[in-house]
Protein backbone atom coordinates (compact mmCIF):
# COMPACT_ATOMS: atom_id res chain seq x y z
CA MET A 1 24.91 -5.24 -7.11
CA SER A 2 23.08 -7.65 -9.31
CA ASP A 3 19.80 -7.11 -11.15
CA THR A 4 18.21 -9.84 -8.98
CA PHE A 5 19.45 -8.16 -5.79
CA LEU A 6 18.03 -4.77 -6.81
CA MET A 7 14.61 -6.33 -7.87
CA HIS A 8 14.32 -8.05 -4.46
CA ARG A 9 14.91 -4.65 -2.88
CA ALA A 10 12.13 -3.20 -5.09
CA LEU A 11 9.77 -6.03 -4.07
CA ALA A 12 10.58 -5.34 -0.40
CA LEU A 13 9.79 -1.63 -0.94
CA ALA A 14 6.49 -2.51 -2.74
CA GLY A 15 5.30 -4.52 0.28
CA ARG A 16 5.25 -1.33 2.34
CA GLY A 17 2.10 -0.23 0.51
CA ARG A 18 0.11 -3.18 1.66
CA GLY A 19 -3.20 -2.11 2.88
CA ALA A 20 -2.93 1.51 1.72
CA VAL A 21 -2.92 1.26 -2.10
CA GLU A 22 -5.64 -1.20 -2.88
CA PRO A 23 -7.38 -1.70 -5.30
CA ASN A 24 -4.29 -0.51 -6.92
CA PRO A 25 -1.25 -3.00 -7.05
CA MET A 26 1.76 -2.67 -4.66
CA VAL A 27 4.76 -1.32 -6.70
CA GLY A 28 8.26 -0.69 -5.77
CA ALA A 29 11.04 1.09 -7.63
CA VAL A 30 14.91 1.31 -7.40
CA VAL A 31 16.98 3.72 -9.63
CA THR A 32 20.60 3.37 -10.26
CA ASP A 33 22.98 5.79 -11.96
CA ALA A 34 25.17 5.07 -14.97
CA THR A 35 27.74 3.35 -12.62
CA GLY A 36 25.12 0.99 -10.98
CA THR A 37 24.97 2.90 -7.75
CA VAL A 38 21.51 3.25 -6.21
CA VAL A 39 20.48 6.86 -6.27
CA GLY A 40 16.65 6.72 -5.59
CA GLU A 41 14.05 4.36 -4.20
CA GLY A 42 10.20 4.64 -3.82
CA TRP A 43 7.04 2.70 -3.51
CA HIS A 44 3.41 3.37 -4.16
CA GLU A 45 2.51 4.73 -0.69
CA ARG A 46 -1.31 5.32 -0.89
CA PHE A 47 -4.28 4.99 -3.30
CA GLY A 48 -4.49 8.04 -5.40
CA GLY A 49 -1.04 9.18 -4.54
CA PRO A 50 2.19 9.30 -6.68
CA HIS A 51 3.31 5.96 -7.98
CA ALA A 52 6.60 4.26 -7.07
CA GLU A 53 8.58 5.63 -10.00
CA VAL A 54 7.76 9.18 -9.30
CA HIS A 55 9.04 8.85 -5.68
CA ALA A 56 12.21 7.11 -6.84
CA PHE A 57 12.88 9.74 -9.54
CA ALA A 58 12.31 12.52 -7.13
CA ALA A 59 15.05 11.09 -4.92
CA ALA A 60 17.35 10.33 -7.73
CA GLY A 61 17.04 13.78 -9.71
CA ASP A 62 19.48 14.14 -12.66
CA ARG A 63 21.55 11.27 -11.31
CA ALA A 64 19.00 9.00 -12.92
CA ARG A 65 20.23 9.95 -16.39
CA GLY A 66 21.91 7.05 -18.15
CA GLY A 67 20.94 4.72 -15.31
CA THR A 68 18.54 1.87 -14.84
CA LEU A 69 14.95 1.60 -13.24
CA TYR A 70 14.10 -1.58 -11.38
CA LEU A 71 10.31 -1.87 -11.22
CA THR A 72 8.15 -4.62 -9.83
CA LEU A 73 5.44 -3.88 -12.33
CA GLU A 74 5.20 -2.37 -15.87
CA PRO A 75 4.67 1.38 -15.57
CA CYS A 76 1.24 2.65 -16.39
CA CYS A 77 0.68 4.56 -19.64
CA HIS A 78 -2.74 6.06 -19.09
CA GLN A 79 -4.16 9.11 -17.20
CA GLY A 80 -5.73 7.91 -14.07
CA LYS A 81 -5.72 9.48 -10.54
CA THR A 82 -2.03 10.43 -11.56
CA PRO A 83 -0.26 11.09 -14.85
CA PRO A 84 1.14 8.24 -16.99
CA CYS A 85 4.32 6.94 -15.40
CA THR A 86 5.83 6.30 -18.76
CA ASP A 87 6.16 10.09 -19.19
CA ALA A 88 8.25 10.27 -15.92
CA VAL A 89 10.46 7.43 -16.93
CA LEU A 90 11.10 8.97 -20.47
CA ARG A 91 11.92 12.47 -18.80
CA SER A 92 14.26 10.88 -16.33
CA GLY A 93 16.71 9.71 -18.90
CA VAL A 94 17.24 6.25 -17.75
CA ARG A 95 18.57 4.06 -20.42
CA ARG A 96 17.16 0.74 -19.15
CA VAL A 97 14.04 -0.40 -17.32
CA VAL A 98 13.97 -3.99 -15.69
CA ALA A 99 10.25 -4.86 -14.83
CA ALA A 100 9.32 -7.98 -12.98
CA MET A 101 6.08 -8.36 -14.90
CA ALA A 102 3.68 -6.82 -17.32
CA ASP A 103 0.58 -5.31 -15.83
CA PRO A 104 -2.63 -7.05 -16.99
CA PHE A 105 -4.79 -4.00 -16.20
CA PRO A 106 -6.58 -3.52 -19.58
CA LYS A 107 -5.47 0.21 -19.98
CA VAL A 108 -1.83 -0.93 -19.50
CA ALA A 109 -1.30 -4.51 -20.67
CA GLY A 110 1.99 -4.11 -22.36
CA GLY A 111 1.33 -0.42 -23.59
CA GLY A 112 3.67 0.96 -21.20
CA ILE A 113 6.58 -1.41 -22.22
CA GLY A 114 5.84 -0.44 -25.91
CA LEU A 115 5.83 3.19 -25.17
CA LEU A 116 9.20 2.98 -23.47
CA ARG A 117 10.77 0.80 -26.23
CA ALA A 118 9.51 3.27 -28.85
CA GLY A 119 11.25 6.02 -26.85
CA GLY A 120 14.57 4.37 -27.06
CA VAL A 121 14.57 2.80 -23.60
CA THR A 122 15.74 -0.82 -23.22
CA VAL A 123 13.10 -2.89 -21.25
CA ASP A 124 13.65 -6.33 -19.78
CA VAL A 125 10.57 -8.05 -18.36
CA GLY A 126 10.33 -11.18 -16.21
CA LEU A 127 12.96 -10.94 -13.59
CA CYS A 128 11.59 -12.34 -10.28
CA GLU A 129 8.08 -12.49 -11.95
CA ALA A 130 6.98 -15.29 -9.60
CA GLU A 131 7.70 -13.31 -6.48
CA ALA A 132 5.99 -10.22 -8.19
CA ARG A 133 2.86 -12.16 -8.90
CA THR A 134 2.73 -13.73 -5.42
CA LEU A 135 3.11 -10.10 -3.97
CA ASN A 136 0.18 -8.93 -5.99
CA ALA A 137 -2.01 -12.07 -6.14
CA PRO A 138 -5.11 -10.28 -4.82
CA TYR A 139 -4.89 -7.58 -7.33
CA LEU A 140 -4.37 -10.11 -10.13
CA LYS A 141 -7.26 -12.20 -8.86
CA LEU A 142 -9.54 -9.18 -8.80
CA LEU A 143 -8.60 -8.24 -12.35
CA ALA A 144 -9.01 -11.91 -13.67
CA THR A 145 -12.27 -12.83 -11.72
CA GLY A 146 -13.93 -9.79 -10.53
CA MET A 147 -13.68 -11.30 -7.05
CA PRO A 148 -11.45 -10.49 -4.03
CA TRP A 149 -8.80 -12.39 -2.45
CA VAL A 150 -10.20 -14.56 0.43
CA ILE A 151 -8.13 -15.04 3.73
CA ALA A 152 -9.58 -17.58 6.23
CA LYS A 153 -8.47 -16.92 9.70
CA TRP A 154 -8.79 -18.86 13.00
CA ALA A 155 -7.28 -19.60 16.32
CA MET A 156 -7.34 -23.19 17.63
CA SER A 157 -5.85 -25.61 20.15
CA LEU A 158 -3.35 -28.26 19.33
CA ASP A 159 -6.35 -30.65 18.95
CA GLY A 160 -8.06 -28.35 16.53
CA LYS A 161 -10.75 -26.85 18.75
CA ILE A 162 -11.78 -23.18 18.38
CA ALA A 163 -13.95 -23.36 21.60
CA THR A 164 -14.84 -25.58 24.51
CA ARG A 165 -18.02 -27.75 24.59
CA THR A 166 -19.72 -24.85 26.44
CA GLY A 167 -18.73 -22.40 23.64
CA ASP A 168 -15.95 -20.53 25.64
CA SER A 169 -13.19 -19.34 23.28
CA LYS A 170 -11.58 -16.29 25.06
CA TRP A 171 -8.83 -16.58 24.59
CA ILE A 172 -7.24 -19.52 22.87
CA SER A 173 -4.51 -17.46 21.20
CA ASN A 174 -2.20 -15.11 23.10
CA GLU A 175 -2.12 -11.41 23.12
CA THR A 176 0.71 -11.14 20.60
CA SER A 177 -1.20 -13.30 18.23
CA ARG A 178 -4.27 -11.20 18.69
CA ARG A 179 -2.37 -7.93 17.95
CA ARG A 180 -1.27 -9.61 14.70
CA VAL A 181 -4.88 -10.37 13.71
CA HIS A 182 -5.77 -6.57 14.45
CA ASP A 183 -3.01 -5.56 12.15
CA LEU A 184 -4.41 -7.81 9.43
CA ARG A 185 -7.87 -6.41 10.07
CA GLY A 186 -6.61 -3.01 9.47
CA ARG A 187 -5.25 -3.97 5.89
CA VAL A 188 -8.27 -5.70 4.41
CA ASP A 189 -11.42 -4.26 2.84
CA ALA A 190 -13.98 -6.62 4.67
CA ILE A 191 -14.33 -8.99 7.62
CA VAL A 192 -16.91 -11.67 7.12
CA VAL A 193 -18.73 -13.65 9.88
CA GLY A 194 -22.00 -15.53 10.06
CA ARG A 195 -25.08 -15.21 12.18
CA VAL A 196 -24.00 -17.63 14.79
CA THR A 197 -20.77 -15.54 15.45
CA VAL A 198 -22.89 -12.33 15.98
CA PHE A 199 -25.05 -14.04 18.54
CA ALA A 200 -22.39 -15.94 20.29
CA ASP A 201 -19.45 -13.48 20.45
CA ASP A 202 -21.13 -10.01 19.66
CA PRO A 203 -17.85 -8.98 17.99
CA LEU A 204 -16.78 -5.53 16.97
CA LEU A 205 -14.79 -6.66 14.03
CA THR A 206 -12.73 -3.52 13.98
CA ALA A 207 -8.93 -3.04 13.99
CA ARG A 208 -7.54 -1.89 17.32
CA PRO A 209 -5.55 0.22 16.94
CA PRO A 210 -6.77 1.42 13.44
CA GLY A 211 -4.86 0.36 10.39
CA PRO A 212 -4.59 2.06 6.91
CA ARG A 213 -7.94 0.72 5.93
CA VAL A 214 -11.40 0.55 7.54
CA ALA A 215 -12.89 -2.69 6.82
CA ALA A 216 -16.56 -3.19 6.12
CA ARG A 217 -18.17 -5.66 8.59
CA VAL A 218 -19.99 -8.29 6.73
CA VAL A 219 -22.62 -10.71 8.11
CA MET A 220 -24.02 -13.67 6.13
CA SER A 221 -27.39 -14.75 7.44
CA ALA A 222 -29.76 -16.76 5.22
CA SER A 223 -32.47 -16.64 7.84
CA GLY A 224 -32.33 -12.92 8.48
CA ASP A 225 -32.44 -13.60 12.26
CA LEU A 226 -29.91 -11.23 13.84
CA PRO A 227 -30.04 -9.55 17.39
CA ALA A 228 -31.84 -6.28 17.67
CA LYS A 229 -28.96 -4.82 19.65
CA CYS A 230 -25.22 -5.70 19.15
CA LYS A 231 -21.86 -4.03 18.88
CA LEU A 232 -22.00 -4.00 15.08
CA LEU A 233 -25.04 -1.65 15.18
CA ASP A 234 -23.76 0.26 18.09
CA THR A 235 -20.54 1.23 16.11
CA ILE A 236 -21.98 1.56 12.70
CA ASP A 237 -20.69 5.12 12.42
CA GLU A 238 -17.12 3.82 12.87
CA ALA A 239 -17.22 1.23 10.13
CA PRO A 240 -19.88 0.08 7.57
CA VAL A 241 -22.04 -2.98 8.06
CA ILE A 242 -23.24 -5.14 5.18
CA VAL A 243 -25.68 -8.07 5.67
CA TYR A 244 -26.16 -10.65 2.98
CA THR A 245 -29.46 -12.56 3.20
CA THR A 246 -32.19 -14.19 1.02
CA PRO A 247 -35.05 -12.30 -0.65
CA GLU A 248 -37.66 -14.18 1.50
CA ASN A 249 -35.95 -13.01 4.75
CA GLU A 250 -34.99 -9.46 3.78
CA GLY A 251 -37.90 -8.06 5.63
CA LYS A 252 -36.54 -9.33 8.99
CA LEU A 253 -33.60 -6.98 8.73
CA ARG A 254 -35.59 -3.59 8.48
CA ALA A 255 -34.40 -2.58 11.76
CA TRP A 256 -30.72 -3.17 10.66
CA SER A 257 -31.36 -1.12 7.53
CA LYS A 258 -32.85 1.82 9.68
CA CYS A 259 -29.68 1.67 11.80
CA GLY A 260 -27.62 2.20 8.84
CA ALA A 261 -26.67 -1.28 7.70
CA GLU A 262 -26.70 -2.14 4.06
CA VAL A 263 -28.93 -5.30 3.64
CA ILE A 264 -28.58 -7.09 0.30
CA ALA A 265 -30.88 -9.96 -0.71
CA LEU A 266 -29.11 -12.22 -3.07
CA SER A 267 -30.65 -14.27 -5.78
CA ARG A 268 -30.49 -17.79 -4.15
CA GLU A 269 -33.45 -18.80 -2.17
CA THR A 270 -31.98 -21.05 0.38
CA THR A 271 -28.60 -19.37 1.50
CA PRO A 272 -26.48 -16.40 0.20
CA SER A 273 -24.23 -17.83 -2.45
CA VAL A 274 -20.57 -17.57 -1.86
CA ARG A 275 -20.17 -16.67 -5.53
CA ASP A 276 -22.76 -13.92 -5.41
CA VAL A 277 -21.25 -12.39 -2.23
CA LEU A 278 -17.80 -12.49 -3.72
CA HIS A 279 -18.92 -10.79 -6.97
CA ASP A 280 -20.76 -8.14 -5.07
CA LEU A 281 -17.64 -7.41 -2.97
CA GLY A 282 -15.61 -7.40 -6.08
CA ARG A 283 -18.01 -4.92 -7.76
CA ARG A 284 -17.11 -2.65 -4.74
CA ARG A 285 -13.33 -3.16 -5.83
CA PHE A 286 -12.62 -4.96 -2.50
CA THR A 287 -9.23 -6.60 -3.00
CA ASN A 288 -8.79 -8.63 0.34
CA ILE A 289 -11.43 -10.06 2.52
CA LEU A 290 -11.05 -11.74 5.78
CA ILE A 291 -13.34 -14.67 6.86
CA GLU A 292 -13.30 -14.76 10.65
CA GLY A 293 -16.02 -17.37 11.23
CA GLY A 294 -17.78 -19.28 12.40
CA ALA A 295 -17.36 -22.71 11.32
CA GLY A 296 -20.40 -22.61 9.04
CA VAL A 297 -19.25 -19.66 7.08
CA LEU A 298 -15.69 -20.97 6.76
CA GLY A 299 -17.09 -24.26 5.66
CA SER A 300 -19.29 -22.56 2.93
CA PHE A 301 -16.21 -20.91 1.48
CA LEU A 302 -14.20 -24.10 1.70
CA ASP A 303 -16.94 -26.03 0.01
CA ALA A 304 -17.12 -23.52 -2.74
CA ASP A 305 -13.28 -23.73 -3.23
CA ALA A 306 -13.18 -20.01 -2.58
CA ILE A 307 -10.26 -19.78 0.11
CA ASP A 308 -7.11 -18.40 -1.31
CA GLU A 309 -5.19 -18.14 1.84
CA VAL A 310 -5.29 -19.60 5.41
CA GLN A 311 -3.90 -17.90 8.54
CA ALA A 312 -4.18 -20.17 11.55
CA TYR A 313 -2.92 -19.45 15.07
CA VAL A 314 -2.27 -22.79 16.98
CA ALA A 315 -2.02 -22.42 20.76
CA PRO A 316 -0.08 -25.05 22.90
CA VAL A 317 -3.34 -26.16 24.76
CA LEU A 318 -5.52 -29.10 24.59
CA ILE A 319 -9.29 -28.70 24.91
CA GLY A 320 -10.89 -32.07 23.99
CA GLY A 321 -14.53 -32.75 23.88
CA VAL A 322 -16.49 -34.60 21.07
CA VAL A 323 -18.95 -31.62 20.68
CA ALA A 324 -16.29 -28.89 21.05
CA ARG A 325 -16.17 -26.83 17.79
CA SER A 326 -13.56 -27.23 15.10
CA PRO A 327 -12.66 -24.30 12.77
CA VAL A 328 -14.28 -25.41 9.40
CA GLY A 329 -17.82 -26.75 9.07
CA GLY A 330 -19.72 -27.31 5.84
CA GLU A 331 -20.02 -30.56 3.78
CA GLY A 332 -16.33 -31.10 3.46
CA VAL A 333 -14.72 -33.79 1.29
CA GLU A 334 -15.58 -37.42 1.16
CA TRP A 335 -11.94 -38.62 0.61
CA VAL A 336 -8.61 -37.29 1.92
CA GLN A 337 -7.40 -37.31 -1.82
CA ASN A 338 -9.90 -34.66 -2.60
CA ALA A 339 -8.82 -32.35 0.25
CA LYS A 340 -8.09 -28.81 -0.69
CA ARG A 341 -4.23 -28.53 -1.06
CA PHE A 342 -2.41 -25.40 0.02
CA GLY A 343 1.34 -24.58 -0.46
CA ASP A 344 3.65 -21.56 0.08
CA VAL A 345 3.51 -22.43 3.70
CA THR A 346 5.10 -19.99 6.27
CA THR A 347 5.37 -20.72 9.98
CA GLU A 348 6.46 -18.62 12.96
CA VAL A 349 6.38 -19.00 16.72
CA ILE A 350 4.65 -16.15 18.27
CA ASP A 351 5.20 -16.01 22.06
CA GLY A 352 4.39 -19.76 22.13
CA ASP A 353 1.59 -19.79 19.59
CA VAL A 354 2.54 -21.19 16.21
CA TRP A 355 1.32 -19.02 13.24
CA VAL A 356 0.75 -20.87 10.06
CA ARG A 357 0.17 -19.16 6.76
CA ALA A 358 -0.59 -21.20 3.52
CA LYS A 359 -1.91 -20.19 0.23
CA ARG A 360 -3.74 -22.41 -2.42
CA ASN A 361 -1.47 -24.24 -4.73
CA GLU A 362 -3.21 -23.18 -7.86
CA PRO A 363 -5.00 -19.87 -7.52
CA GLY A 364 -7.78 -19.62 -10.10
CA PRO A 365 -10.91 -17.97 -11.12
CA SER A 366 -13.51 -20.73 -10.33
CA VAL A 367 -15.72 -20.52 -7.34
CA ASN A 368 -18.07 -23.45 -7.16
CA GLY A 369 -20.80 -22.16 -4.87
């Protein structure tokens, strides 16, 4: 088996930790013996738990001696919630480590590679680095910018409508698509909506059935006008609620505060700034957030160039109507040549719906709003 084949296996193992390990990175490990036979595998299974290397070496035992460790990320070299993984690598007796990429986390940042080389282990870095960076793009963005990865999600008709002219939207997508959305909800740190969605849909914004994470329900409301009773407040013991508003309207939300919601007045006077919201969520070490609507909130994130990934469910129906709503509002761009370009496109047919996932072509730290 080639190095590339084994690294692809390690990357596949790493993906099993999605939603369970954040804000840590997803990491996978494969160990071969001296003949190149796979003798151990592992992945980082949960935040605070043993890292991928530890699981792989536990499976390999003494067979790892003289072999090779394939790892999707440089091993840690500092004491955190678990001991340094470099210690486990050196104890294992492997003669070679193949790492997809260095870890930019400041307490590692090449230190793990240096310790292994000083200990006589051959270390090769860079195999399948692009795939490893894509896998852990949210982790890398949080480290680089202090802001989480932003996923915009919507379901729409073939003609780009998310509701009829009367506001009816249940259900445009099919049941299988909706199950996939619930799976996504169970793997993110926060689900963001605007005031209009709370009034119009009275959503729960929970994952059903529950996933490995319990997402905070986030409402952006510049006016502070929110219903006195809603499902978000009724279920506040099941999942936290955060409301972002402006200082002048914070007083309108005292009832929400008394119910247990966290009300945060941001510095801007006219509307909660996308930049300020993302920095506050990043301060909480939220790694992935899901924007579920409505069109105003999605538009504000698009105008701020803050959307990293889109997941759209396109149903084979036509709705029509000049005033029927489309997914994304905001100011938008004046010229098509200035449209936000996305790449890394994946499509899949889900019981007749078409699922489209696309990621921004050049993920970067800037947020304009």
